[in-house]
Amino acid sequence: MKPIKVLELSEDDRLKLEKGYHKGPTHCFRIRCKSILLKSEGKSAPQIAEMLEVTVPTVYTWVKRYEENGIKGL
């Protein structure tokens, strides 16, 4: 089994994501922020997908968008 890729977040990025999760303008944006926070905690894409009731490819897409464009990518 492959090791789980953990996203490394700076304190500033973590704070922005937490703010987005709690006060984001849309439900979709808040869920995307939560997915990145969970990934940074070492959760796997299948675990996150189950928790947030989305598909595994969706989680991978959000992570890729975050890695490429930061919070603006969400």
PDB file of N, CA and C in Angstrom:
ATOM      1  N   MET A   1       0.825  -1.176   0.000  1.00  0.00           N
ATOM      2  CA  MET A   1       0.000   0.000   0.000  1.00  0.00           C
ATOM      3  C   MET A   1       0.876   1.250   0.000  1.00  0.00           C
ATOM      4  N   LYS A   2       0.511   2.211  -0.847  1.00  0.00           N
ATOM      5  CA  LYS A   2       1.298   3.437  -0.938  1.00  0.00           C
ATOM      6  C   LYS A   2       1.105   4.298   0.310  1.00  0.00           C
ATOM      7  N   PRO A   3       2.160   5.011   0.711  1.00  0.00           N
ATOM      8  CA  PRO A   3       1.991   5.913   1.850  1.00  0.00           C
ATOM      9  C   PRO A   3       1.068   7.081   1.468  1.00  0.00           C
ATOM     10  N   ILE A   4       0.363   7.594   2.447  1.00  0.00           N
ATOM     11  CA  ILE A   4      -0.554   8.706   2.223  1.00  0.00           C
ATOM     12  C   ILE A   4       0.253   9.988   2.063  1.00  0.00           C
ATOM     13  N   LYS A   5      -0.055  10.725   0.999  1.00  0.00           N
ATOM     14  CA  LYS A   5       0.603  12.011   0.771  1.00  0.00           C
ATOM     15  C   LYS A   5      -0.017  13.037   1.707  1.00  0.00           C
ATOM     16  N   VAL A   6       0.812  13.676   2.519  1.00  0.00           N
ATOM     17  CA  VAL A   6       0.340  14.684   3.459  1.00  0.00           C
ATOM     18  C   VAL A   6       0.707  16.052   2.908  1.00  0.00           C
ATOM     19  N   LEU A   7      -0.274  16.930   2.839  1.00  0.00           N
ATOM     20  CA  LEU A   7       0.004  18.295   2.393  1.00  0.00           C
ATOM     21  C   LEU A   7       0.644  19.064   3.537  1.00  0.00           C
ATOM     22  N   GLU A   8       1.735  19.731   3.250  1.00  0.00           N
ATOM     23  CA  GLU A   8       2.375  20.576   4.250  1.00  0.00           C
ATOM     24  C   GLU A   8       1.821  21.987   4.078  1.00  0.00           C
ATOM     25  N   LEU A   9       1.224  22.526   5.137  1.00  0.00           N
ATOM     26  CA  LEU A   9       0.650  23.868   5.082  1.00  0.00           C
ATOM     27  C   LEU A   9       1.421  24.808   5.993  1.00  0.00           C
ATOM     28  N   SER A  10       1.630  26.032   5.523  1.00  0.00           N
ATOM     29  CA  SER A  10       2.195  27.043   6.403  1.00  0.00           C
ATOM     30  C   SER A  10       1.102  27.460   7.388  1.00  0.00           C
ATOM     31  N   GLU A  11       1.495  28.102   8.456  1.00  0.00           N
ATOM     32  CA  GLU A  11       0.516  28.557   9.445  1.00  0.00           C
ATOM     33  C   GLU A  11      -0.466  29.539   8.803  1.00  0.00           C
ATOM     34  N   ASP A  12       0.032  30.406   7.932  1.00  0.00           N
ATOM     35  CA  ASP A  12      -0.820  31.372   7.233  1.00  0.00           C
ATOM     36  C   ASP A  12      -1.844  30.661   6.347  1.00  0.00           C
ATOM     37  N   ASP A  13      -1.385  29.659   5.602  1.00  0.00           N
ATOM     38  CA  ASP A  13      -2.290  28.907   4.738  1.00  0.00           C
ATOM     39  C   ASP A  13      -3.347  28.163   5.561  1.00  0.00           C
ATOM     40  N   ARG A  14      -2.915  27.579   6.665  1.00  0.00           N
ATOM     41  CA  ARG A  14      -3.856  26.860   7.528  1.00  0.00           C
ATOM     42  C   ARG A  14      -4.934  27.814   8.057  1.00  0.00           C
ATOM     43  N   LEU A  15      -4.518  28.999   8.473  1.00  0.00           N
ATOM     44  CA  LEU A  15      -5.483  29.982   8.983  1.00  0.00           C
ATOM     45  C   LEU A  15      -6.462  30.410   7.904  1.00  0.00           C
ATOM     46  N   LYS A  16      -5.968  30.605   6.680  1.00  0.00           N
ATOM     47  CA  LYS A  16      -6.852  30.991   5.567  1.00  0.00           C
ATOM     48  C   LYS A  16      -7.862  29.885   5.272  1.00  0.00           C
ATOM     49  N   LEU A  17      -7.398  28.649   5.289  1.00  0.00           N
ATOM     50  CA  LEU A  17      -8.296  27.519   5.033  1.00  0.00           C
ATOM     51  C   LEU A  17      -9.329  27.356   6.147  1.00  0.00           C
ATOM     52  N   GLU A  18      -8.903  27.546   7.383  1.00  0.00           N
ATOM     53  CA  GLU A  18      -9.843  27.448   8.498  1.00  0.00           C
ATOM     54  C   GLU A  18     -10.890  28.554   8.414  1.00  0.00           C
ATOM     55  N   LYS A  19     -10.454  29.753   8.061  1.00  0.00           N
ATOM     56  CA  LYS A  19     -11.396  30.866   7.883  1.00  0.00           C
ATOM     57  C   LYS A  19     -12.357  30.546   6.736  1.00  0.00           C
ATOM     58  N   GLY A  20     -11.820  30.014   5.633  1.00  0.00           N
ATOM     59  CA  GLY A  20     -12.657  29.643   4.500  1.00  0.00           C
ATOM     60  C   GLY A  20     -13.656  28.564   4.873  1.00  0.00           C
ATOM     61  N   TYR A  21     -13.231  27.625   5.705  1.00  0.00           N
ATOM     62  CA  TYR A  21     -14.113  26.541   6.131  1.00  0.00           C
ATOM     63  C   TYR A  21     -15.250  27.069   7.004  1.00  0.00           C
ATOM     64  N   HIS A  22     -14.942  28.009   7.883  1.00  0.00           N
ATOM     65  CA  HIS A  22     -15.955  28.508   8.808  1.00  0.00           C
ATOM     66  C   HIS A  22     -16.795  29.654   8.242  1.00  0.00           C
ATOM     67  N   LYS A  23     -16.192  30.470   7.370  1.00  0.00           N
ATOM     68  CA  LYS A  23     -16.890  31.677   6.921  1.00  0.00           C
ATOM     69  C   LYS A  23     -16.935  31.841   5.414  1.00  0.00           C
ATOM     70  N   GLY A  24     -16.628  30.796   4.672  1.00  0.00           N
ATOM     71  CA  GLY A  24     -16.606  30.871   3.212  1.00  0.00           C
ATOM     72  C   GLY A  24     -17.960  31.250   2.635  1.00  0.00           C
ATOM     73  N   PRO A  25     -17.952  31.836   1.442  1.00  0.00           N
ATOM     74  CA  PRO A  25     -19.187  32.350   0.845  1.00  0.00           C
ATOM     75  C   PRO A  25     -20.176  31.268   0.401  1.00  0.00           C
ATOM     76  N   THR A  26     -19.675  30.070   0.086  1.00  0.00           N
ATOM     77  CA  THR A  26     -20.576  29.005  -0.377  1.00  0.00           C
ATOM     78  C   THR A  26     -20.261  27.702   0.348  1.00  0.00           C
ATOM     79  N   HIS A  27     -21.248  26.833   0.361  1.00  0.00           N
ATOM     80  CA  HIS A  27     -21.065  25.517   0.973  1.00  0.00           C
ATOM     81  C   HIS A  27     -19.953  24.741   0.260  1.00  0.00           C
ATOM     82  N   CYS A  28     -19.945  24.801  -1.067  1.00  0.00           N
ATOM     83  CA  CYS A  28     -18.928  24.083  -1.856  1.00  0.00           C
ATOM     84  C   CYS A  28     -17.519  24.537  -1.488  1.00  0.00           C
ATOM     85  N   PHE A  29     -17.322  25.841  -1.370  1.00  0.00           N
ATOM     86  CA  PHE A  29     -16.004  26.374  -1.012  1.00  0.00           C
ATOM     87  C   PHE A  29     -15.607  25.895   0.383  1.00  0.00           C
ATOM     88  N   ARG A  30     -16.543  25.917   1.316  1.00  0.00           N
ATOM     89  CA  ARG A  30     -16.240  25.478   2.682  1.00  0.00           C
ATOM     90  C   ARG A  30     -15.831  24.009   2.704  1.00  0.00           C
ATOM     91  N   ILE A  31     -16.508  23.166   1.939  1.00  0.00           N
ATOM     92  CA  ILE A  31     -16.171  21.741   1.879  1.00  0.00           C
ATOM     93  C   ILE A  31     -14.791  21.542   1.258  1.00  0.00           C
ATOM     94  N   ARG A  32     -14.484  22.304   0.233  1.00  0.00           N
ATOM     95  CA  ARG A  32     -13.159  22.195  -0.399  1.00  0.00           C
ATOM     96  C   ARG A  32     -12.060  22.580   0.584  1.00  0.00           C
ATOM     97  N   CYS A  33     -12.286  23.650   1.351  1.00  0.00           N
ATOM     98  CA  CYS A  33     -11.302  24.051   2.363  1.00  0.00           C
ATOM     99  C   CYS A  33     -11.119  22.937   3.390  1.00  0.00           C
ATOM    100  N   LYS A  34     -12.229  22.340   3.818  1.00  0.00           N
ATOM    101  CA  LYS A  34     -12.145  21.253   4.803  1.00  0.00           C
ATOM    102  C   LYS A  34     -11.369  20.065   4.247  1.00  0.00           C
ATOM    103  N   SER A  35     -11.558  19.768   2.963  1.00  0.00           N
ATOM    104  CA  SER A  35     -10.842  18.633   2.380  1.00  0.00           C
ATOM    105  C   SER A  35      -9.330  18.849   2.420  1.00  0.00           C
ATOM    106  N   ILE A  36      -8.891  20.059   2.156  1.00  0.00           N
ATOM    107  CA  ILE A  36      -7.454  20.356   2.194  1.00  0.00           C
ATOM    108  C   ILE A  36      -6.939  20.281   3.629  1.00  0.00           C
ATOM    109  N   LEU A  37      -7.708  20.783   4.576  1.00  0.00           N
ATOM    110  CA  LEU A  37      -7.304  20.687   5.980  1.00  0.00           C
ATOM    111  C   LEU A  37      -7.180  19.222   6.405  1.00  0.00           C
ATOM    112  N   LEU A  38      -8.132  18.396   5.998  1.00  0.00           N
ATOM    113  CA  LEU A  38      -8.064  16.974   6.338  1.00  0.00           C
ATOM    114  C   LEU A  38      -6.858  16.309   5.690  1.00  0.00           C
ATOM    115  N   LYS A  39      -6.562  16.677   4.459  1.00  0.00           N
ATOM    116  CA  LYS A  39      -5.393  16.110   3.767  1.00  0.00           C
ATOM    117  C   LYS A  39      -4.109  16.489   4.507  1.00  0.00           C
ATOM    118  N   SER A  40      -4.061  17.704   5.034  1.00  0.00           N
ATOM    119  CA  SER A  40      -2.870  18.141   5.768  1.00  0.00           C
ATOM    120  C   SER A  40      -2.729  17.424   7.106  1.00  0.00           C
ATOM    121  N   GLU A  41      -3.822  16.817   7.570  1.00  0.00           N
ATOM    122  CA  GLU A  41      -3.791  16.047   8.819  1.00  0.00           C
ATOM    123  C   GLU A  41      -3.431  14.582   8.584  1.00  0.00           C
ATOM    124  N   GLY A  42      -3.185  14.225   7.310  1.00  0.00           N
ATOM    125  CA  GLY A  42      -2.761  12.869   7.010  1.00  0.00           C
ATOM    126  C   GLY A  42      -3.875  11.915   6.616  1.00  0.00           C
ATOM    127  N   LYS A  43      -5.066  12.445   6.381  1.00  0.00           N
ATOM    128  CA  LYS A  43      -6.171  11.598   5.928  1.00  0.00           C
ATOM    129  C   LYS A  43      -5.962  11.223   4.466  1.00  0.00           C
ATOM    130  N   SER A  44      -6.419  10.047   4.092  1.00  0.00           N
ATOM    131  CA  SER A  44      -6.318   9.602   2.699  1.00  0.00           C
ATOM    132  C   SER A  44      -7.492  10.165   1.900  1.00  0.00           C
ATOM    133  N   ALA A  45      -7.337  10.182   0.583  1.00  0.00           N
ATOM    134  CA  ALA A  45      -8.421  10.661  -0.279  1.00  0.00           C
ATOM    135  C   ALA A  45      -9.698   9.836  -0.080  1.00  0.00           C
ATOM    136  N   PRO A  46      -9.621   8.502   0.009  1.00  0.00           N
ATOM    137  CA  PRO A  46     -10.847   7.737   0.264  1.00  0.00           C
ATOM    138  C   PRO A  46     -11.504   8.079   1.613  1.00  0.00           C
ATOM    139  N   GLN A  47     -10.697   8.319   2.628  1.00  0.00           N
ATOM    140  CA  GLN A  47     -11.249   8.703   3.931  1.00  0.00           C
ATOM    141  C   GLN A  47     -11.973  10.047   3.831  1.00  0.00           C
ATOM    142  N   ILE A  48     -11.325  11.009   3.174  1.00  0.00           N
ATOM    143  CA  ILE A  48     -11.908  12.339   3.026  1.00  0.00           C
ATOM    144  C   ILE A  48     -13.190  12.264   2.202  1.00  0.00           C
ATOM    145  N   ALA A  49     -13.150  11.487   1.132  1.00  0.00           N
ATOM    146  CA  ALA A  49     -14.330  11.339   0.273  1.00  0.00           C
ATOM    147  C   ALA A  49     -15.509  10.792   1.074  1.00  0.00           C
ATOM    148  N   GLU A  50     -15.250   9.810   1.894  1.00  0.00           N
ATOM    149  CA  GLU A  50     -16.321   9.229   2.705  1.00  0.00           C
ATOM    150  C   GLU A  50     -16.841  10.242   3.723  1.00  0.00           C
ATOM    151  N   MET A  51     -15.942  10.957   4.374  1.00  0.00           N
ATOM    152  CA  MET A  51     -16.339  11.932   5.387  1.00  0.00           C
ATOM    153  C   MET A  51     -17.175  13.066   4.793  1.00  0.00           C
ATOM    154  N   LEU A  52     -16.787  13.518   3.599  1.00  0.00           N
ATOM    155  CA  LEU A  52     -17.443  14.673   2.987  1.00  0.00           C
ATOM    156  C   LEU A  52     -18.520  14.279   1.974  1.00  0.00           C
ATOM    157  N   GLU A  53     -18.693  12.983   1.798  1.00  0.00           N
ATOM    158  CA  GLU A  53     -19.702  12.450   0.879  1.00  0.00           C
ATOM    159  C   GLU A  53     -19.515  12.950  -0.557  1.00  0.00           C
ATOM    160  N   VAL A  54     -18.268  12.800  -1.024  1.00  0.00           N
ATOM    161  CA  VAL A  54     -17.908  13.107  -2.409  1.00  0.00           C
ATOM    162  C   VAL A  54     -17.130  11.917  -2.953  1.00  0.00           C
ATOM    163  N   THR A  55     -16.756  11.964  -4.221  1.00  0.00           N
ATOM    164  CA  THR A  55     -15.987  10.865  -4.798  1.00  0.00           C
ATOM    165  C   THR A  55     -14.493  11.066  -4.562  1.00  0.00           C
ATOM    166  N   VAL A  56     -13.758   9.979  -4.630  1.00  0.00           N
ATOM    167  CA  VAL A  56     -12.304  10.038  -4.474  1.00  0.00           C
ATOM    168  C   VAL A  56     -11.663  10.911  -5.560  1.00  0.00           C
ATOM    169  N   PRO A  57     -12.056  10.767  -6.847  1.00  0.00           N
ATOM    170  CA  PRO A  57     -11.462  11.650  -7.865  1.00  0.00           C
ATOM    171  C   PRO A  57     -11.717  13.134  -7.583  1.00  0.00           C
ATOM    172  N   THR A  58     -12.846  13.444  -6.974  1.00  0.00           N
ATOM    173  CA  THR A  58     -13.133  14.834  -6.619  1.00  0.00           C
ATOM    174  C   THR A  58     -12.115  15.352  -5.615  1.00  0.00           C
ATOM    175  N   VAL A  59     -11.799  14.548  -4.619  1.00  0.00           N
ATOM    176  CA  VAL A  59     -10.804  14.951  -3.615  1.00  0.00           C
ATOM    177  C   VAL A  59      -9.457  15.184  -4.284  1.00  0.00           C
ATOM    178  N   TYR A  60      -9.053  14.265  -5.162  1.00  0.00           N
ATOM    179  CA  TYR A  60      -7.775  14.434  -5.860  1.00  0.00           C
ATOM    180  C   TYR A  60      -7.772  15.713  -6.700  1.00  0.00           C
ATOM    181  N   THR A  61      -8.895  16.026  -7.324  1.00  0.00           N
ATOM    182  CA  THR A  61      -8.991  17.247  -8.128  1.00  0.00           C
ATOM    183  C   THR A  61      -8.816  18.476  -7.248  1.00  0.00           C
ATOM    184  N   TRP A  62      -9.474  18.505  -6.096  1.00  0.00           N
ATOM    185  CA  TRP A  62      -9.357  19.652  -5.196  1.00  0.00           C
ATOM    186  C   TRP A  62      -7.928  19.824  -4.695  1.00  0.00           C
ATOM    187  N   VAL A  63      -7.285  18.713  -4.363  1.00  0.00           N
ATOM    188  CA  VAL A  63      -5.899  18.786  -3.880  1.00  0.00           C
ATOM    189  C   VAL A  63      -4.991  19.330  -4.976  1.00  0.00           C
ATOM    190  N   LYS A  64      -5.173  18.830  -6.188  1.00  0.00           N
ATOM    191  CA  LYS A  64      -4.351  19.305  -7.307  1.00  0.00           C
ATOM    192  C   LYS A  64      -4.574  20.798  -7.541  1.00  0.00           C
ATOM    193  N   ARG A  65      -5.829  21.229  -7.519  1.00  0.00           N
ATOM    194  CA  ARG A  65      -6.134  22.648  -7.722  1.00  0.00           C
ATOM    195  C   ARG A  65      -5.515  23.498  -6.617  1.00  0.00           C
ATOM    196  N   TYR A  66      -5.560  23.003  -5.386  1.00  0.00           N
ATOM    197  CA  TYR A  66      -4.961  23.739  -4.277  1.00  0.00           C
ATOM    198  C   TYR A  66      -3.444  23.825  -4.443  1.00  0.00           C
ATOM    199  N   GLU A  67      -2.825  22.722  -4.820  1.00  0.00           N
ATOM    200  CA  GLU A  67      -1.363  22.713  -4.999  1.00  0.00           C
ATOM    201  C   GLU A  67      -0.933  23.670  -6.113  1.00  0.00           C
ATOM    202  N   GLU A  68      -1.739  23.779  -7.154  1.00  0.00           N
ATOM    203  CA  GLU A  68      -1.384  24.631  -8.290  1.00  0.00           C
ATOM    204  C   GLU A  68      -1.703  26.102  -8.064  1.00  0.00           C
ATOM    205  N   ASN A  69      -2.814  26.391  -7.368  1.00  0.00           N
ATOM    206  CA  ASN A  69      -3.287  27.782  -7.281  1.00  0.00           C
ATOM    207  C   ASN A  69      -3.597  28.272  -5.872  1.00  0.00           C
ATOM    208  N   GLY A  70      -3.288  27.481  -4.869  1.00  0.00           N
ATOM    209  CA  GLY A  70      -3.589  27.899  -3.509  1.00  0.00           C
ATOM    210  C   GLY A  70      -5.093  27.967  -3.269  1.00  0.00           C
ATOM    211  N   ILE A  71      -5.477  28.736  -2.265  1.00  0.00           N
ATOM    212  CA  ILE A  71      -6.879  28.804  -1.891  1.00  0.00           C
ATOM    213  C   ILE A  71      -7.747  29.369  -3.012  1.00  0.00           C
ATOM    214  N   LYS A  72      -7.167  30.161  -3.884  1.00  0.00           N
ATOM    215  CA  LYS A  72      -7.924  30.703  -5.025  1.00  0.00           C
ATOM    216  C   LYS A  72      -8.349  29.593  -5.987  1.00  0.00           C
ATOM    217  N   GLY A  73      -7.636  28.491  -5.977  1.00  0.00           N
ATOM    218  CA  GLY A  73      -7.975  27.360  -6.834  1.00  0.00           C
ATOM    219  C   GLY A  73      -9.197  26.590  -6.358  1.00  0.00           C
ATOM    220  N   LEU A  74      -9.609  26.860  -5.129  1.00  0.00           N
ATOM    221  CA  LEU A  74     -10.768  26.148  -4.588  1.00  0.00           C
ATOM    222  C   LEU A  74     -12.054  26.858  -4.945  1.00  0.00           C
TER     223      LEU A  74
END
